[in-house]
Amino acid sequence: MTGHRRCAAIVCGLLFSLAIGQDASEFTIHTNVERVLLDVSVKDSQGGFVSGLGRDNFRVVEDGTLQQITGFEAGDIPVTVGLVVDESASMAAKQTEVLTAALTFVTESNPNDEMFVVHFNENVRHGLPDEVLFTDNRQMLRRALLSGVPEGRTALYDGVVTALHQLDMGRQAKKTLVLISDGGDNVSKHKLRDVMHLAEETSATIYTIGVFDSDDPDANPGLIRRLAEISGGIAYFPERLNDVVPICRGIAKDIRNRYMLSYVPHAGSHQDIRHIRVSVSAPGHAKLIARTRTSYLYRP
């Protein structure tokens, strides 16, 4: 394996079994065996979270072929989380509500989650001290979130790319990014294709919150929506700033009520985009809705 990734949502069998604490007898442990890792949310027809499901309740299909689920975990599993917060000049009037929402997310999350903060305007800046990549210290995260000063333009692409690279260094198998921004990109060194390429490679679930102004010519709701859709997250477009706090509370709850599945993909000879469909059924539930990533980039 070269680098941290060869295909999206894939980790070697050894790392996966250690990270989620499964009985090692359930896995074939070879460091060169790769698995696709899926972070799955399940809700009923009324939108309520469904708990207590087992491996046999799920079906995973990749490019039309049914896959054997080789790893399964349910419950409130610790996550590596990146908070990516826009601090461009246009965020000044929204800063109080956005920071309150981000702090609410931290408070409502699993206390064993490891987190970091990335701010972006014309530049990208890590909120934590230079020597700290991740922390579960809520006071340190509070200081990191409150350290930004809204100014300058919007390097959204650079912020997301930086955060995804840092997320990749986290020790938890489950990884999540939460992006809050009020505009599209107007100054990044990276391009849209760089962001989408990483979104297809990463195992992270990406939640996005677009607090757009109706007259903002740089607004890019399409990007916000696509990042969430491709990764199995949710894109939010609140009509009122007051809605951002309950949205962040809901994201924290969603993260804490997900299932983690893995399977070994069939070997290929060339790089390609592979498409995934996950379905779920259980006695006593007429209709269950599974949400996870819909595709990933396979690299042989």
Protein backbone atom coordinates (compact mmCIF):
# COMPACT_ATOMS: atom_id res chain seq x y z
CA MET A 1 0.00 0.00 0.00
CA THR A 2 1.35 3.42 -0.91
CA GLY A 3 0.40 6.35 1.30
CA HIS A 4 -2.69 6.24 3.48
CA ARG A 5 -5.20 5.33 0.77
CA ARG A 6 -5.45 3.21 -2.34
CA CYS A 7 -9.19 3.42 -2.75
CA ALA A 8 -11.92 5.27 -0.94
CA ALA A 9 -13.26 3.96 2.34
CA ILE A 10 -10.59 1.27 2.37
CA VAL A 11 -8.36 0.26 5.20
CA CYS A 12 -6.21 -2.82 5.60
CA GLY A 13 -7.83 -5.72 7.43
CA LEU A 14 -5.48 -5.50 10.39
CA LEU A 15 -6.12 -1.81 11.00
CA PHE A 16 -9.86 -2.21 10.64
CA SER A 17 -10.17 -5.09 13.10
CA LEU A 18 -8.07 -3.29 15.69
CA ALA A 19 -9.86 0.02 15.24
CA ILE A 20 -13.39 -1.24 15.82
CA GLY A 21 -12.53 -3.79 18.47
CA GLN A 22 -13.97 -6.87 16.78
CA ASP A 23 -12.95 -10.39 17.74
CA ALA A 24 -9.90 -11.12 15.58
CA SER A 25 -11.31 -14.57 14.76
CA GLU A 26 -13.91 -12.84 12.58
CA PHE A 27 -11.27 -11.51 10.22
CA THR A 28 -8.60 -12.86 7.96
CA ILE A 29 -5.65 -10.75 9.05
CA HIS A 30 -3.31 -9.86 6.23
CA THR A 31 -1.80 -6.39 6.03
CA ASN A 32 -2.16 -6.39 2.25
CA VAL A 33 -5.90 -7.19 2.34
CA GLU A 34 -8.03 -4.11 1.79
CA ARG A 35 -11.64 -3.57 2.75
CA VAL A 36 -14.22 -1.03 1.81
CA LEU A 37 -15.51 0.64 4.96
CA LEU A 38 -19.06 1.99 4.98
CA ASP A 39 -20.50 4.32 7.62
CA VAL A 40 -24.28 3.75 7.42
CA SER A 41 -27.23 5.62 8.92
CA VAL A 42 -30.57 3.79 9.12
CA LYS A 43 -33.92 5.52 9.66
CA ASP A 44 -37.52 4.41 9.53
CA SER A 45 -40.26 5.95 7.39
CA GLN A 46 -40.91 8.59 10.07
CA GLY A 47 -37.26 9.67 10.11
CA GLY A 48 -36.39 8.05 13.43
CA PHE A 49 -33.06 6.31 14.01
CA VAL A 50 -33.24 2.51 14.01
CA SER A 51 -31.00 0.68 16.47
CA GLY A 52 -30.47 -2.99 17.28
CA LEU A 53 -29.89 -4.19 13.73
CA GLY A 54 -27.41 -6.95 12.93
CA ARG A 55 -25.16 -7.83 10.03
CA ASP A 56 -27.83 -10.01 8.38
CA ASN A 57 -30.22 -7.05 8.11
CA PHE A 58 -27.94 -5.37 5.55
CA ARG A 59 -27.25 -6.02 1.86
CA VAL A 60 -24.34 -4.36 0.07
CA VAL A 61 -24.15 -4.32 -3.72
CA GLU A 62 -21.12 -3.00 -5.60
CA ASP A 63 -21.54 -2.45 -9.35
CA GLY A 64 -24.47 -4.89 -9.38
CA THR A 65 -22.71 -7.67 -7.43
CA LEU A 66 -23.78 -8.69 -3.93
CA GLN A 67 -20.91 -8.38 -1.45
CA GLN A 68 -20.15 -10.46 1.65
CA ILE A 69 -20.13 -8.24 4.74
CA THR A 70 -16.96 -9.22 6.61
CA GLY A 71 -16.94 -6.59 9.37
CA PHE A 72 -19.82 -5.13 11.35
CA GLU A 73 -20.10 -2.76 14.29
CA ALA A 74 -23.06 -0.90 15.78
CA GLY A 75 -23.45 1.67 18.51
CA ASP A 76 -21.85 4.89 19.62
CA ILE A 77 -18.37 4.32 18.22
CA PRO A 78 -15.71 7.03 18.73
CA VAL A 79 -15.01 9.03 15.58
CA THR A 80 -12.27 11.26 14.19
CA VAL A 81 -14.02 14.56 13.43
CA GLY A 82 -12.90 17.69 11.61
CA LEU A 83 -14.82 20.96 12.01
CA VAL A 84 -14.20 23.19 8.97
CA VAL A 85 -15.45 26.72 9.58
CA ASP A 86 -15.57 29.60 7.10
CA GLU A 87 -14.15 32.82 8.60
CA SER A 88 -14.21 35.01 5.51
CA ALA A 89 -15.40 38.62 5.87
CA SER A 90 -18.98 37.77 4.89
CA MET A 91 -19.27 35.50 7.95
CA ALA A 92 -18.91 38.40 10.42
CA ALA A 93 -22.65 38.89 10.88
CA LYS A 94 -23.18 35.13 11.24
CA GLN A 95 -20.26 34.30 13.49
CA THR A 96 -22.14 34.19 16.80
CA GLU A 97 -24.74 31.67 15.61
CA VAL A 98 -22.20 29.56 13.70
CA LEU A 99 -19.78 29.30 16.62
CA THR A 100 -22.61 28.54 19.03
CA ALA A 101 -23.71 25.75 16.69
CA ALA A 102 -20.18 24.34 16.39
CA LEU A 103 -19.80 24.38 20.18
CA THR A 104 -23.15 22.61 20.49
CA PHE A 105 -21.89 19.93 18.15
CA VAL A 106 -18.79 19.41 20.31
CA THR A 107 -20.90 19.18 23.47
CA GLU A 108 -23.37 16.70 21.97
CA SER A 109 -20.71 14.41 20.47
CA ASN A 110 -19.19 11.29 22.00
CA PRO A 111 -16.69 12.51 24.64
CA ASN A 112 -14.16 10.00 23.28
CA ASP A 113 -14.20 11.47 19.77
CA GLU A 114 -10.93 12.99 18.60
CA MET A 115 -11.50 16.37 16.93
CA PHE A 116 -9.72 19.21 15.21
CA VAL A 117 -10.70 22.62 13.84
CA VAL A 118 -9.80 24.21 10.50
CA HIS A 119 -10.61 27.86 9.77
CA PHE A 120 -10.41 29.29 6.27
CA ASN A 121 -10.67 32.70 4.62
CA GLU A 122 -7.99 33.64 2.10
CA ASN A 123 -5.72 31.30 4.06
CA VAL A 124 -6.24 28.03 5.89
CA ARG A 125 -5.43 27.91 9.59
CA HIS A 126 -5.48 25.14 12.16
CA GLY A 127 -7.38 26.13 15.27
CA LEU A 128 -5.53 23.83 17.68
CA PRO A 129 -1.98 24.51 18.87
CA ASP A 130 0.71 23.48 16.38
CA GLU A 131 1.75 20.47 18.43
CA VAL A 132 -1.84 19.11 18.72
CA LEU A 133 -3.36 17.30 15.74
CA PHE A 134 -6.49 16.03 17.53
CA THR A 135 -8.06 16.41 20.95
CA ASP A 136 -11.05 15.35 23.03
CA ASN A 137 -10.51 18.32 25.37
CA ARG A 138 -13.63 20.44 24.99
CA GLN A 139 -12.09 23.58 26.42
CA MET A 140 -9.25 23.33 23.91
CA LEU A 141 -11.78 22.86 21.11
CA ARG A 142 -13.76 25.85 22.38
CA ARG A 143 -10.64 28.03 22.25
CA ALA A 144 -9.87 26.72 18.77
CA LEU A 145 -13.34 27.61 17.49
CA LEU A 146 -13.36 31.07 19.08
CA SER A 147 -9.90 32.00 17.79
CA GLY A 148 -11.01 33.07 14.31
CA VAL A 149 -11.56 36.63 13.08
CA PRO A 150 -13.79 36.99 9.98
CA GLU A 151 -11.91 38.75 7.18
CA GLY A 152 -10.84 38.33 3.57
CA ARG A 153 -12.13 36.09 0.80
CA THR A 154 -13.12 32.40 0.71
CA ALA A 155 -10.61 29.59 0.06
CA LEU A 156 -13.22 26.87 0.56
CA TYR A 157 -11.46 24.28 -1.63
CA ASP A 158 -8.17 24.75 0.24
CA GLY A 159 -9.95 24.42 3.58
CA VAL A 160 -11.68 21.16 2.64
CA VAL A 161 -8.53 19.63 1.11
CA THR A 162 -6.47 20.52 4.19
CA ALA A 163 -9.09 19.07 6.52
CA LEU A 164 -9.46 15.82 4.55
CA HIS A 165 -5.70 15.27 4.64
CA GLN A 166 -5.62 15.83 8.40
CA LEU A 167 -8.67 13.61 8.91
CA ASP A 168 -6.80 10.82 7.17
CA MET A 169 -4.22 10.85 9.99
CA GLY A 170 -6.81 10.15 12.69
CA ARG A 171 -6.66 6.90 14.63
CA GLN A 172 -10.39 6.12 14.55
CA ALA A 173 -11.78 3.99 11.73
CA LYS A 174 -14.89 6.17 11.46
CA LYS A 175 -14.15 9.63 10.14
CA THR A 176 -16.43 12.63 9.73
CA LEU A 177 -16.11 16.17 8.40
CA VAL A 178 -18.53 19.00 9.24
CA LEU A 179 -18.26 22.01 6.91
CA ILE A 180 -19.97 25.36 7.60
CA SER A 181 -19.70 28.07 4.93
CA ASP A 182 -21.71 30.93 3.44
CA GLY A 183 -20.23 31.05 -0.02
CA GLY A 184 -18.47 29.41 -2.91
CA ASP A 185 -14.76 29.50 -3.52
CA ASN A 186 -13.13 32.63 -4.93
CA VAL A 187 -9.43 32.38 -4.04
CA SER A 188 -8.21 28.78 -3.52
CA LYS A 189 -5.05 27.30 -4.98
CA HIS A 190 -6.83 23.96 -5.29
CA LYS A 191 -9.49 23.32 -7.91
CA LEU A 192 -12.93 21.77 -7.70
CA ARG A 193 -11.60 18.55 -9.22
CA ASP A 194 -9.10 18.25 -6.35
CA VAL A 195 -11.91 18.44 -3.79
CA MET A 196 -14.13 15.93 -5.59
CA HIS A 197 -11.22 13.53 -6.11
CA LEU A 198 -10.49 13.49 -2.38
CA ALA A 199 -14.19 13.11 -1.56
CA GLU A 200 -14.25 9.97 -3.72
CA GLU A 201 -11.09 8.62 -2.09
CA THR A 202 -11.81 9.33 1.56
CA SER A 203 -13.70 7.08 3.96
CA ALA A 204 -15.14 10.17 5.67
CA THR A 205 -18.81 11.03 5.92
CA ILE A 206 -19.16 14.75 5.12
CA TYR A 207 -21.93 16.93 6.55
CA THR A 208 -22.29 20.40 5.04
CA ILE A 209 -24.17 23.49 6.17
CA GLY A 210 -24.62 26.29 3.66
CA VAL A 211 -25.58 29.57 5.35
CA PHE A 212 -25.86 31.46 2.09
CA ASP A 213 -26.96 35.02 1.44
CA SER A 214 -29.59 35.12 -1.28
CA ASP A 215 -27.67 37.76 -3.26
CA ASP A 216 -24.19 36.21 -2.96
CA PRO A 217 -22.76 35.72 -6.50
CA ASP A 218 -20.16 33.25 -5.17
CA ALA A 219 -22.66 30.93 -3.48
CA ASN A 220 -22.19 27.33 -4.61
CA PRO A 221 -24.91 25.13 -3.12
CA GLY A 222 -24.16 22.47 -5.72
CA LEU A 223 -20.73 21.80 -4.23
CA ILE A 224 -22.10 21.75 -0.68
CA ARG A 225 -24.77 19.26 -1.73
CA ARG A 226 -22.45 17.05 -3.79
CA LEU A 227 -19.83 16.68 -1.04
CA ALA A 228 -22.51 15.39 1.31
CA GLU A 229 -24.23 13.14 -1.20
CA ILE A 230 -21.11 11.38 -2.44
CA SER A 231 -19.94 10.62 1.10
CA GLY A 232 -23.25 9.55 2.65
CA GLY A 233 -23.66 12.70 4.73
CA ILE A 234 -26.36 15.38 4.63
CA ALA A 235 -26.37 18.88 3.16
CA TYR A 236 -28.31 21.52 5.09
CA PHE A 237 -29.47 24.92 3.82
CA PRO A 238 -31.12 26.63 6.81
CA GLU A 239 -33.47 29.49 6.05
CA ARG A 240 -32.68 31.13 9.39
CA LEU A 241 -29.40 31.39 11.27
CA ASN A 242 -31.17 30.21 14.42
CA ASP A 243 -31.63 26.85 12.73
CA VAL A 244 -27.89 26.14 12.64
CA VAL A 245 -27.73 25.14 16.32
CA PRO A 246 -30.40 22.40 16.09
CA ILE A 247 -28.83 21.24 12.82
CA CYS A 248 -25.47 20.72 14.53
CA ARG A 249 -27.19 18.96 17.41
CA GLY A 250 -28.87 16.67 14.88
CA ILE A 251 -25.58 15.94 13.09
CA ALA A 252 -24.00 14.88 16.39
CA LYS A 253 -26.93 12.55 17.03
CA ASP A 254 -26.72 11.12 13.52
CA ILE A 255 -23.01 10.34 13.91
CA ARG A 256 -23.67 8.54 17.21
CA ASN A 257 -26.38 6.31 15.68
CA ARG A 258 -24.65 4.83 12.67
CA TYR A 259 -23.52 1.34 11.69
CA MET A 260 -20.11 0.43 10.32
CA LEU A 261 -19.85 -2.29 7.66
CA SER A 262 -16.91 -3.57 5.65
CA TYR A 263 -16.34 -5.91 2.73
CA VAL A 264 -13.47 -6.99 0.48
CA PRO A 265 -13.98 -5.62 -3.05
CA HIS A 266 -13.17 -7.74 -6.07
CA ALA A 267 -9.72 -7.08 -7.46
CA GLY A 268 -9.40 -4.96 -10.58
CA SER A 269 -6.59 -4.17 -12.97
CA HIS A 270 -7.24 -0.45 -13.37
CA GLN A 271 -8.46 2.58 -11.43
CA ASP A 272 -12.17 3.20 -11.64
CA ILE A 273 -15.20 4.62 -9.87
CA ARG A 274 -17.24 1.89 -8.23
CA HIS A 275 -20.85 2.37 -7.23
CA ILE A 276 -22.38 1.12 -3.99
CA ARG A 277 -25.96 0.46 -2.94
CA VAL A 278 -26.86 -0.53 0.63
CA SER A 279 -30.32 -1.76 1.58
CA VAL A 280 -31.66 -2.83 4.95
CA SER A 281 -34.70 -4.77 6.14
CA ALA A 282 -35.89 -6.08 9.49
CA PRO A 283 -39.02 -7.73 10.88
CA GLY A 284 -41.48 -5.21 12.25
CA HIS A 285 -40.23 -2.40 9.99
CA ALA A 286 -42.17 -1.80 6.79
CA LYS A 287 -39.55 0.46 5.25
CA LEU A 288 -36.02 1.23 6.37
CA ILE A 289 -33.81 3.79 4.66
CA ALA A 290 -30.03 3.35 4.63
CA ARG A 291 -27.79 6.30 3.87
CA THR A 292 -24.09 5.88 3.08
CA ARG A 293 -21.64 6.82 0.38
CA THR A 294 -22.75 5.98 -3.15
CA SER A 295 -19.38 5.52 -4.84
CA TYR A 296 -15.64 5.37 -4.27
CA LEU A 297 -12.43 5.52 -6.25
CA TYR A 298 -10.80 2.09 -6.58
CA ARG A 299 -7.07 1.96 -7.12
CA PRO A 300 -5.39 -1.40 -7.88
